[in-house]
Amino acid sequence: MKTIRPGDKVYHIYHMSNRGVVSEVYSLPVRHGNGAGPFSKVRRVKFISELDGKEYDFKIEDVVKDN
């Protein structure tokens, strides 16, 4: 898996024509846990689409880095 950083070109795995440039990668706390302890933070990515110019916010596992 490739590391996604701001400035990289990515596309959404369920709408592959929706690609764009990453503007931000950030983490959010998870408010769930189990008996062994809390879960780790979820990483999210924001990118500006080339299709319509809107900024989209997805979980980082739902986007793929374009070569």
Protein backbone atom coordinates (compact mmCIF):
# COMPACT_ATOMS: atom_id res chain seq x y z
CA MET A 1 0.00 0.00 0.00
CA LYS A 2 1.33 3.42 -0.93
CA THR A 3 1.42 6.29 1.55
CA ILE A 4 -0.97 9.11 0.69
CA ARG A 5 0.26 12.64 1.34
CA PRO A 6 -1.03 16.14 0.53
CA GLY A 7 -0.38 16.95 -3.13
CA ASP A 8 -0.77 13.34 -4.32
CA LYS A 9 -3.33 12.45 -6.98
CA VAL A 10 -5.91 9.92 -5.76
CA TYR A 11 -9.20 8.42 -6.93
CA HIS A 12 -12.18 6.93 -5.10
CA ILE A 13 -12.41 3.15 -5.43
CA TYR A 14 -16.20 3.12 -5.95
CA HIS A 15 -16.23 5.99 -8.48
CA MET A 16 -12.89 5.76 -10.27
CA SER A 17 -13.48 8.73 -12.57
CA ASN A 18 -13.69 10.91 -9.45
CA ARG A 19 -10.01 11.71 -9.02
CA GLY A 20 -8.24 14.72 -7.67
CA VAL A 21 -5.39 16.21 -5.65
CA VAL A 22 -5.18 15.60 -1.90
CA SER A 23 -5.56 18.75 0.17
CA GLU A 24 -5.45 17.22 3.67
CA VAL A 25 -4.85 13.91 5.48
CA TYR A 26 -6.04 13.83 9.10
CA SER A 27 -7.05 11.48 11.92
CA LEU A 28 -10.25 11.38 13.96
CA PRO A 29 -10.72 9.70 17.35
CA VAL A 30 -12.93 6.62 17.46
CA ARG A 31 -15.52 6.53 20.22
CA HIS A 32 -15.76 2.74 20.38
CA GLY A 33 -13.73 0.09 22.11
CA ASN A 34 -13.74 -3.51 23.25
CA GLY A 35 -12.60 -5.44 26.30
CA ALA A 36 -8.96 -5.31 25.18
CA GLY A 37 -8.92 -1.51 24.94
CA PRO A 38 -9.77 1.38 22.63
CA PHE A 39 -9.53 1.22 18.86
CA SER A 40 -6.97 3.26 16.94
CA LYS A 41 -7.82 6.56 15.23
CA VAL A 42 -9.46 6.52 11.80
CA ARG A 43 -7.54 8.29 9.05
CA ARG A 44 -9.42 10.44 6.52
CA VAL A 45 -8.42 12.24 3.36
CA LYS A 46 -9.82 15.35 1.66
CA PHE A 47 -9.25 15.89 -2.05
CA ILE A 48 -10.44 18.37 -4.65
CA SER A 49 -12.13 16.57 -7.54
CA GLU A 50 -11.21 17.19 -11.17
CA LEU A 51 -14.80 16.35 -12.20
CA ASP A 52 -16.70 19.14 -10.47
CA GLY A 53 -14.16 21.06 -8.36
CA LYS A 54 -15.79 20.04 -5.06
CA GLU A 55 -13.82 18.92 -2.01
CA TYR A 56 -14.61 15.33 -0.98
CA ASP A 57 -13.88 13.69 2.37
CA PHE A 58 -13.37 9.90 2.48
CA LYS A 59 -11.84 7.27 4.72
CA ILE A 60 -8.28 6.67 3.61
CA GLU A 61 -9.00 3.01 2.78
CA ASP A 62 -11.61 4.14 0.22
CA VAL A 63 -9.11 6.02 -1.97
CA VAL A 64 -6.21 4.75 -4.08
CA LYS A 65 -3.08 6.66 -5.01
CA ASP A 66 -2.76 7.28 -8.74
CA ASN A 67 0.64 6.64 -10.31
